[in-house]
Amino acid sequence: IGEVVMVDQSPLARTPRSTPILYLGLYDRVRELFAAQPEAMSQGLTASAFSFNSGSGRCERCSGTGFEKIEMQFLSDLYVRCAECEGKRFQPHVLKIKLHGKSIHDVLELTVSQAIQFFAQIGEEKTLSDPLDVLDEVGLGYLRLGQPLNTLSGGESQRLKLVRHLAESKTADDVEGNGDGARGNLFIFDEPTTGLHFDDVAMLLQVFQRLVECGNSIIVIEHNLEVIKSADWIVDLGPEAGDDGGEVVGVGTPEQIAKIDNSHTGRFLRNVIPSGKASPARTEGPRKSARKFERSFAYAQDDSEEFARAAETAPRFRINGTNGAIGIHGAREHNLKNIDVTIPRDQMVVITGLSGSGKKDRDDFSTVCRRMRGSSSSNWRSRMSILSPVCRQAWRSSNASLVAEANRRSRP
């Protein structure tokens, strides 16, 4: 084993300085391409001038981040677009340097899928397009090259961590081949599907398979049946929890574990592994479940069951009644597109969607919601009063039209 790697969903960065192209180690080559342009050479601009983390070419006001930080009293820090460079990170004379018609800002604004085509057209397929292609293959082709890593969701961060290892494994295979001397890494995951959508789980399994094909080993601690049934080998511990556990109930393939009577995992695996097929762990089809297994993942997957469709009826609640609701207006953090959401109180509310769709961006409003929980006032000024004076002024300056509309609505 070459290295033991623990992979989780923790954020890759806390500030806007780190980006996907920096994380993959590809930005140095991009800076060299811009520094080699005749216009850059005539002005004496070196590769360091095209760095937004250091050098003389970055914006002096925001120091190359493209954002200015506003410290909140009890919420997460707020980042607003720099008024001088307008989020472009660089000074005007640097932005005038073009690489095949694109400035350094234009290149950083490209999505991964667009960048693969662009770099291939300028002859950088091996150095830039091929490493970025791994990102596209794991479903992250929509990320921008210069997108701050602190805006990524847990699922996106987890896949991006794996992409770097995939790229390193691919490079090692190209150099050394797949001989007996090649050593793969051991990856350890602790419940990697936590918070992921079903489609994201399927994408994660594809990444796992890619890692194994590159000669790596994977250990996953997981309860998700979709992951368990896709494993090559299972170690089932139990039979119960606490003092009644701590023993090996069974080891083997998913088909073998499903035949163990005293294995709780095996009982549920029987409902997702059709019997009598050569490769049941990779097959899909209608799943039938017994009444005693109606809480299982397979039961929730079966649209023919009545209870699995119970949540299709939208909940009824009264906004201005005794039940009340929490209102979120004009949410635009990260991926959110200026949305309005009404969340009923005293009920279980599920926010779902693919990784990166904006679910956890609403967490920034959780503290506000708690402060508003007991408030009966509908005046928008009472909602703004919980913010600091600096934040209120910044919000009013950047949302003048919303303030005017709120004033209009608040008049009797």
Protein backbone atom coordinates (compact mmCIF):
# COMPACT_ATOMS: atom_id res chain seq x y z
CA ILE A 1 0.00 0.00 0.00
CA GLY A 2 1.42 3.33 -1.02
CA GLU A 3 -0.65 5.60 1.23
CA VAL A 4 -3.64 5.44 3.59
CA VAL A 5 -6.18 8.17 2.75
CA MET A 6 -9.17 9.12 4.91
CA VAL A 7 -11.83 10.84 2.79
CA ASP A 8 -14.78 12.77 4.24
CA GLN A 9 -17.17 15.56 3.25
CA SER A 10 -15.39 18.33 5.14
CA PRO A 11 -14.90 21.59 3.20
CA LEU A 12 -11.78 21.85 1.10
CA ALA A 13 -11.31 25.55 1.93
CA ARG A 14 -12.75 28.27 4.16
CA THR A 15 -11.97 31.26 1.92
CA PRO A 16 -12.56 32.10 -1.79
CA ARG A 17 -8.83 31.80 -2.58
CA SER A 18 -8.77 28.11 -3.48
CA THR A 19 -10.42 26.97 -6.72
CA PRO A 20 -10.77 23.65 -8.62
CA ILE A 21 -7.97 24.44 -11.07
CA LEU A 22 -5.66 25.38 -8.19
CA TYR A 23 -6.60 22.29 -6.22
CA LEU A 24 -5.72 20.04 -9.16
CA GLY A 25 -2.39 21.81 -9.65
CA LEU A 26 -3.16 22.95 -13.21
CA TYR A 27 -3.13 26.72 -12.77
CA ASP A 28 0.66 27.04 -13.10
CA ARG A 29 0.47 25.90 -16.71
CA VAL A 30 -2.34 28.36 -17.45
CA ARG A 31 -0.27 31.24 -16.03
CA GLU A 32 2.70 30.19 -18.14
CA LEU A 33 0.56 30.30 -21.28
CA PHE A 34 -0.57 33.86 -20.54
CA ALA A 35 2.96 35.01 -19.65
CA ALA A 36 4.19 33.66 -23.01
CA GLN A 37 1.85 35.94 -25.00
CA PRO A 38 3.61 38.77 -26.90
CA GLU A 39 1.56 41.48 -25.16
CA ALA A 40 2.56 40.13 -21.74
CA MET A 41 6.23 39.87 -22.68
CA SER A 42 6.27 43.44 -24.03
CA GLN A 43 4.92 44.72 -20.69
CA GLY A 44 7.33 42.58 -18.69
CA LEU A 45 4.56 40.49 -17.13
CA THR A 46 5.71 37.15 -15.77
CA ALA A 47 3.62 34.16 -14.69
CA SER A 48 3.38 35.58 -11.17
CA ALA A 49 1.40 38.55 -12.51
CA PHE A 50 -1.43 36.17 -13.39
CA SER A 51 -1.70 34.77 -9.87
CA PHE A 52 -4.60 36.02 -7.76
CA ASN A 53 -3.01 34.79 -4.52
CA SER A 54 0.25 36.71 -4.87
CA GLY A 55 2.10 38.96 -7.29
CA SER A 56 1.59 42.45 -8.65
CA GLY A 57 -1.22 41.71 -11.08
CA ARG A 58 -4.04 41.00 -8.62
CA CYS A 59 -6.58 43.54 -7.48
CA GLU A 60 -5.17 45.54 -4.57
CA ARG A 61 -8.50 46.18 -2.89
CA CYS A 62 -9.65 42.55 -2.52
CA SER A 63 -6.13 41.04 -2.77
CA GLY A 64 -7.24 38.84 -5.65
CA THR A 65 -10.20 37.12 -4.01
CA GLY A 66 -12.82 38.99 -6.06
CA PHE A 67 -14.86 39.42 -2.87
CA GLU A 68 -14.77 41.55 0.24
CA LYS A 69 -15.46 39.91 3.58
CA ILE A 70 -18.10 41.28 5.93
CA GLU A 71 -17.99 39.76 9.38
CA MET A 72 -21.43 38.85 10.71
CA GLN A 73 -22.31 38.91 14.39
CA PHE A 74 -23.83 35.44 14.67
CA LEU A 75 -24.10 34.19 11.08
CA SER A 76 -21.45 32.94 8.69
CA ASP A 77 -19.17 35.61 7.23
CA LEU A 78 -20.68 37.37 4.21
CA TYR A 79 -18.69 37.84 1.00
CA VAL A 80 -19.75 40.65 -1.37
CA ARG A 81 -18.34 41.26 -4.83
CA CYS A 82 -15.36 43.62 -4.93
CA ALA A 83 -16.44 47.04 -6.17
CA GLU A 84 -13.07 47.82 -7.80
CA CYS A 85 -12.40 44.73 -9.92
CA GLU A 86 -16.08 43.64 -10.02
CA GLY A 87 -15.12 40.12 -9.01
CA LYS A 88 -12.52 39.69 -11.77
CA ARG A 89 -9.62 39.41 -9.28
CA PHE A 90 -7.04 41.17 -11.48
CA GLN A 91 -5.99 44.69 -12.43
CA PRO A 92 -7.12 46.11 -15.82
CA HIS A 93 -3.71 45.85 -17.55
CA VAL A 94 -3.55 42.13 -16.72
CA LEU A 95 -7.08 41.53 -17.99
CA LYS A 96 -6.10 43.02 -21.37
CA ILE A 97 -3.77 40.08 -22.07
CA LYS A 98 -5.67 37.56 -24.22
CA LEU A 99 -5.09 33.86 -24.80
CA HIS A 100 -6.88 32.97 -28.03
CA GLY A 101 -9.38 35.76 -27.38
CA LYS A 102 -9.93 35.08 -23.68
CA SER A 103 -8.59 37.00 -20.69
CA ILE A 104 -7.44 35.26 -17.53
CA HIS A 105 -10.83 36.09 -15.99
CA ASP A 106 -12.65 34.57 -18.98
CA VAL A 107 -10.66 31.35 -18.60
CA LEU A 108 -11.45 31.11 -14.89
CA GLU A 109 -15.15 31.60 -15.70
CA LEU A 110 -15.19 28.58 -18.03
CA THR A 111 -16.89 25.46 -16.78
CA VAL A 112 -14.83 22.28 -16.70
CA SER A 113 -16.63 20.95 -19.80
CA GLN A 114 -15.99 24.19 -21.71
CA ALA A 115 -12.35 24.33 -20.57
CA ILE A 116 -11.68 20.80 -21.86
CA GLN A 117 -12.68 21.88 -25.36
CA PHE A 118 -10.87 25.22 -25.16
CA PHE A 119 -7.53 23.80 -24.03
CA ALA A 120 -7.75 21.00 -26.61
CA GLN A 121 -8.15 23.62 -29.36
CA ILE A 122 -4.97 25.45 -28.32
CA GLY A 123 -2.85 22.28 -28.15
CA GLU A 124 -2.91 21.71 -24.40
CA GLU A 125 -4.88 18.49 -24.47
CA LYS A 126 -2.35 16.36 -22.58
CA THR A 127 -1.34 18.95 -19.99
CA LEU A 128 -4.76 20.47 -19.22
CA SER A 129 -7.69 18.82 -21.02
CA ASP A 130 -6.94 15.23 -19.97
CA PRO A 131 -6.60 16.03 -16.22
CA LEU A 132 -9.82 18.08 -16.34
CA ASP A 133 -11.60 15.26 -18.14
CA VAL A 134 -11.56 13.25 -14.90
CA LEU A 135 -13.67 15.99 -13.28
CA ASP A 136 -16.17 15.73 -16.10
CA GLU A 137 -16.36 11.95 -15.78
CA VAL A 138 -17.38 12.11 -12.11
CA GLY A 139 -20.21 14.56 -12.81
CA LEU A 140 -18.45 17.82 -11.90
CA GLY A 141 -18.26 19.23 -15.40
CA TYR A 142 -20.52 22.13 -14.42
CA LEU A 143 -18.02 23.60 -11.94
CA ARG A 144 -16.20 26.74 -13.02
CA LEU A 145 -12.40 26.68 -13.01
CA GLY A 146 -12.27 29.72 -10.74
CA GLN A 147 -15.20 28.80 -8.50
CA PRO A 148 -14.26 29.22 -4.81
CA LEU A 149 -14.05 25.85 -3.08
CA ASN A 150 -15.84 27.19 -0.02
CA THR A 151 -19.04 27.31 -2.10
CA LEU A 152 -19.04 23.56 -2.85
CA SER A 153 -21.39 21.17 -1.10
CA GLY A 154 -20.17 18.20 0.96
CA GLY A 155 -20.84 15.77 -1.89
CA GLU A 156 -18.99 17.95 -4.41
CA SER A 157 -16.02 18.37 -2.05
CA GLN A 158 -15.84 14.63 -1.51
CA ARG A 159 -15.78 13.88 -5.24
CA LEU A 160 -13.20 16.60 -5.89
CA LYS A 161 -10.88 15.04 -3.31
CA LEU A 162 -11.20 11.72 -5.10
CA VAL A 163 -10.59 13.31 -8.50
CA ARG A 164 -7.09 14.37 -7.52
CA HIS A 165 -6.26 10.80 -6.50
CA LEU A 166 -7.79 9.52 -9.74
CA ALA A 167 -5.67 11.92 -11.76
CA GLU A 168 -2.53 10.88 -9.83
CA SER A 169 -3.32 7.19 -10.38
CA LYS A 170 -3.88 7.81 -14.07
CA THR A 171 -0.56 9.65 -14.38
CA ALA A 172 1.25 6.87 -12.53
CA ASP A 173 -0.26 4.27 -14.83
CA ASP A 174 0.89 6.20 -17.89
CA VAL A 175 4.44 6.43 -16.53
CA GLU A 176 4.92 3.07 -14.81
CA GLY A 177 2.24 0.88 -16.34
CA ASN A 178 0.31 -1.71 -14.35
CA GLY A 179 3.22 -3.92 -13.38
CA ASP A 180 3.68 -5.83 -10.15
CA GLY A 181 5.77 -3.01 -8.72
CA ALA A 182 2.90 -0.49 -8.80
CA ARG A 183 1.41 0.23 -5.37
CA GLY A 184 -2.11 1.55 -4.92
CA ASN A 185 -3.52 3.54 -2.02
CA LEU A 186 -5.96 2.45 0.68
CA PHE A 187 -9.02 4.75 0.87
CA ILE A 188 -11.19 4.74 4.00
CA PHE A 189 -14.69 6.25 3.91
CA ASP A 190 -16.92 6.71 6.96
CA GLU A 191 -20.55 6.79 5.71
CA PRO A 192 -19.75 8.72 2.51
CA THR A 193 -23.40 8.77 1.34
CA THR A 194 -24.56 10.95 4.26
CA GLY A 195 -26.54 13.86 2.83
CA LEU A 196 -26.28 12.67 -0.78
CA HIS A 197 -29.12 12.34 -3.28
CA PHE A 198 -29.75 8.93 -4.87
CA ASP A 199 -28.19 10.11 -8.15
CA ASP A 200 -25.12 11.35 -6.27
CA VAL A 201 -24.80 7.94 -4.58
CA ALA A 202 -24.78 6.28 -8.01
CA MET A 203 -22.10 8.73 -9.18
CA LEU A 204 -20.04 8.05 -6.05
CA LEU A 205 -20.17 4.31 -6.74
CA GLN A 206 -18.82 4.95 -10.24
CA VAL A 207 -15.90 6.87 -8.72
CA PHE A 208 -15.26 3.98 -6.31
CA GLN A 209 -15.10 1.60 -9.27
CA ARG A 210 -12.65 3.87 -11.06
CA LEU A 211 -10.39 3.93 -8.00
CA VAL A 212 -10.43 0.13 -7.79
CA GLU A 213 -9.67 -0.18 -11.50
CA CYS A 214 -6.62 2.04 -10.96
CA GLY A 215 -5.24 -0.48 -8.45
CA ASN A 216 -6.48 1.11 -5.21
CA SER A 217 -8.28 -0.54 -2.29
CA ILE A 218 -11.41 0.89 -0.62
CA ILE A 219 -12.88 0.32 2.83
CA VAL A 220 -16.36 1.82 3.32
CA ILE A 221 -18.28 2.00 6.61
CA GLU A 222 -21.85 2.30 5.38
CA HIS A 223 -25.52 1.52 6.03
CA ASN A 224 -26.83 2.45 2.57
CA LEU A 225 -28.06 -0.74 0.87
CA GLU A 226 -27.22 0.60 -2.60
CA VAL A 227 -23.56 0.79 -1.54
CA ILE A 228 -23.60 -2.51 0.37
CA LYS A 229 -25.06 -4.51 -2.52
CA SER A 230 -22.41 -3.07 -4.89
CA ALA A 231 -19.49 -4.19 -2.72
CA ASP A 232 -17.11 -6.97 -3.77
CA TRP A 233 -16.76 -8.16 -0.17
CA ILE A 234 -18.72 -7.46 3.03
CA VAL A 235 -17.72 -7.75 6.70
CA ASP A 236 -20.92 -7.72 8.78
CA LEU A 237 -20.54 -6.95 12.50
CA GLY A 238 -23.10 -7.53 15.22
CA PRO A 239 -25.36 -9.26 15.83
CA GLU A 240 -26.75 -6.40 17.94
CA ALA A 241 -25.41 -3.10 19.30
CA GLY A 242 -23.46 -2.34 22.46
CA ASP A 243 -22.59 -5.27 24.70
CA ASP A 244 -24.57 -7.60 22.42
CA GLY A 245 -22.39 -6.72 19.42
CA GLY A 246 -18.73 -6.67 18.54
CA GLU A 247 -18.69 -10.01 16.76
CA VAL A 248 -18.27 -10.94 13.11
CA VAL A 249 -21.67 -12.14 11.96
CA GLY A 250 -20.53 -12.99 8.46
CA VAL A 251 -18.06 -12.26 5.69
CA GLY A 252 -18.45 -12.76 1.97
CA THR A 253 -20.15 -11.42 -1.11
CA PRO A 254 -23.53 -9.64 -0.88
CA GLU A 255 -25.20 -12.87 -2.06
CA GLN A 256 -23.56 -14.84 0.75
CA ILE A 257 -24.41 -12.29 3.44
CA ALA A 258 -28.06 -12.32 2.30
CA LYS A 259 -28.27 -16.04 3.18
CA ILE A 260 -27.19 -15.56 6.82
CA ASP A 261 -30.28 -15.81 9.03
CA ASN A 262 -28.99 -13.91 12.08
CA SER A 263 -27.62 -11.00 10.01
CA HIS A 264 -29.80 -7.87 10.04
CA THR A 265 -27.90 -6.64 6.97
CA GLY A 266 -28.53 -9.96 5.22
CA ARG A 267 -32.29 -9.78 5.81
CA PHE A 268 -32.53 -6.41 4.12
CA LEU A 269 -30.15 -7.42 1.32
CA ARG A 270 -32.58 -10.17 0.30
CA ASN A 271 -35.02 -7.51 -0.82
CA VAL A 272 -32.56 -5.74 -3.14
CA ILE A 273 -30.70 -8.79 -4.51
CA PRO A 274 -32.92 -10.90 -6.81
CA SER A 275 -32.17 -14.58 -6.40
CA GLY A 276 -30.87 -16.85 -9.15
CA LYS A 277 -28.87 -14.24 -11.10
CA ALA A 278 -25.14 -14.25 -11.69
CA SER A 279 -24.50 -10.60 -10.81
CA PRO A 280 -27.42 -9.45 -8.65
CA ALA A 281 -25.46 -6.62 -7.07
CA ARG A 282 -25.34 -4.72 -10.38
CA THR A 283 -28.86 -5.36 -11.62
CA GLU A 284 -31.88 -3.12 -11.43
CA GLY A 285 -35.53 -4.02 -11.57
CA PRO A 286 -38.80 -3.89 -9.67
CA ARG A 287 -38.31 -4.66 -6.02
CA LYS A 288 -40.95 -6.38 -3.87
CA SER A 289 -40.72 -6.12 -0.10
CA ALA A 290 -42.46 -7.81 2.79
CA ARG A 291 -44.53 -5.85 5.29
CA LYS A 292 -41.91 -6.27 8.03
CA PHE A 293 -39.30 -4.63 5.78
CA GLU A 294 -41.41 -1.63 4.82
CA ARG A 295 -38.94 0.78 6.42
CA SER A 296 -36.03 -0.45 4.31
CA PHE A 297 -34.38 1.43 1.45
CA ALA A 298 -35.76 -1.05 -1.09
CA TYR A 299 -39.28 -0.47 0.21
CA ALA A 300 -38.85 3.29 -0.26
CA GLN A 301 -37.68 2.65 -3.81
CA ASP A 302 -40.86 0.71 -4.70
CA ASP A 303 -43.40 3.17 -6.12
CA SER A 304 -46.13 0.53 -6.01
CA GLU A 305 -46.21 0.61 -2.21
CA GLU A 306 -48.70 2.98 -0.68
CA PHE A 307 -46.52 4.24 2.15
CA ALA A 308 -43.65 5.12 -0.16
CA ARG A 309 -45.90 7.61 -1.93
CA ALA A 310 -47.44 9.13 1.17
CA ALA A 311 -45.24 12.21 0.96
CA GLU A 312 -46.50 13.17 -2.51
CA THR A 313 -49.37 15.15 -1.00
CA ALA A 314 -48.15 18.65 -0.15
CA PRO A 315 -48.51 19.53 3.54
CA ARG A 316 -51.19 22.02 4.50
CA PHE A 317 -50.31 24.78 6.91
CA ARG A 318 -51.52 28.27 7.76
CA ILE A 319 -49.00 31.05 7.37
CA ASN A 320 -50.81 33.56 9.54
CA GLY A 321 -52.58 31.06 11.83
CA THR A 322 -51.54 29.50 15.09
CA ASN A 323 -49.13 27.16 13.33
CA GLY A 324 -47.20 29.87 11.51
CA ALA A 325 -44.30 29.55 9.09
CA ILE A 326 -40.74 30.71 8.57
CA GLY A 327 -40.29 32.88 5.50
CA ILE A 328 -37.03 33.17 3.59
CA HIS A 329 -37.05 35.94 0.97
CA GLY A 330 -34.56 36.64 -1.80
CA ALA A 331 -32.08 33.87 -0.89
CA ARG A 332 -29.12 34.23 -3.26
CA GLU A 333 -26.18 32.65 -1.43
CA HIS A 334 -23.91 30.53 -3.68
CA ASN A 335 -26.19 28.53 -6.03
CA LEU A 336 -29.55 29.96 -4.96
CA LYS A 337 -31.29 32.11 -7.56
CA ASN A 338 -33.09 34.78 -5.52
CA ILE A 339 -35.69 32.33 -4.23
CA ASP A 340 -38.56 32.76 -1.77
CA VAL A 341 -39.29 29.81 0.51
CA THR A 342 -41.99 29.35 3.14
CA ILE A 343 -41.19 26.66 5.72
CA PRO A 344 -44.03 25.49 7.99
CA ARG A 345 -43.33 25.37 11.70
CA ASP A 346 -43.99 22.38 13.98
CA GLN A 347 -43.64 19.95 11.07
CA MET A 348 -40.87 17.84 9.59
CA VAL A 349 -39.66 19.59 6.44
CA VAL A 350 -37.29 17.84 4.02
CA ILE A 351 -35.01 19.85 1.72
CA THR A 352 -33.69 17.61 -1.02
CA GLY A 353 -31.95 17.76 -4.39
CA LEU A 354 -28.63 16.87 -6.00
CA SER A 355 -25.31 17.85 -4.43
CA GLY A 356 -24.58 21.47 -5.27
CA SER A 357 -28.22 22.35 -5.93
CA GLY A 358 -28.26 24.83 -3.03
CA LYS A 359 -29.75 22.84 -0.15
CA LYS A 360 -27.20 23.70 2.52
CA ASP A 361 -26.98 27.32 1.40
CA ARG A 362 -30.15 27.78 3.42
CA ASP A 363 -28.29 26.86 6.61
CA ASP A 364 -27.07 30.46 6.71
CA PHE A 365 -30.63 31.44 7.50
CA SER A 366 -31.07 28.97 10.37
CA THR A 367 -30.08 31.45 13.07
CA VAL A 368 -32.31 34.10 11.54
CA CYS A 369 -35.19 31.63 11.52
CA ARG A 370 -34.71 30.85 15.19
CA ARG A 371 -34.83 34.53 16.06
CA MET A 372 -37.95 34.96 13.94
CA ARG A 373 -39.69 31.89 15.33
CA GLY A 374 -41.53 33.71 18.10
CA SER A 375 -42.04 36.91 16.16
CA SER A 376 -45.54 37.78 15.01
CA SER A 377 -44.53 40.90 13.13
CA SER A 378 -44.56 40.75 9.35
CA ASN A 379 -42.67 44.01 8.91
CA TRP A 380 -39.46 43.45 6.99
CA ARG A 381 -37.64 46.02 9.15
CA SER A 382 -38.05 43.81 12.20
CA ARG A 383 -36.33 41.04 10.29
CA MET A 384 -33.43 43.31 9.34
CA SER A 385 -33.00 44.50 12.94
CA ILE A 386 -31.24 41.28 13.94
CA LEU A 387 -28.33 42.11 11.60
CA SER A 388 -25.44 44.41 12.50
CA PRO A 389 -25.55 48.02 11.21
CA VAL A 390 -22.73 47.28 8.73
CA CYS A 391 -24.58 44.26 7.33
CA ARG A 392 -27.87 46.14 7.10
CA GLN A 393 -26.22 48.94 5.12
CA ALA A 394 -24.43 46.48 2.84
CA TRP A 395 -27.68 44.62 2.22
CA ARG A 396 -29.60 47.82 1.43
CA SER A 397 -26.86 49.02 -0.96
CA SER A 398 -26.81 45.80 -2.96
CA ASN A 399 -30.57 45.21 -2.88
CA ALA A 400 -32.02 48.64 -3.54
CA SER A 401 -34.87 47.28 -5.67
CA LEU A 402 -35.82 44.73 -3.02
CA VAL A 403 -35.83 47.39 -0.31
CA ALA A 404 -38.14 49.57 -2.41
CA GLU A 405 -40.50 46.64 -2.98
CA ALA A 406 -40.46 45.78 0.73
CA ASN A 407 -41.27 49.38 1.61
CA ARG A 408 -44.19 49.34 -0.80
CA ARG A 409 -45.60 46.10 0.63
CA SER A 410 -45.24 47.25 4.24
CA ARG A 411 -47.44 50.33 3.69
CA PRO A 412 -51.06 49.90 4.88
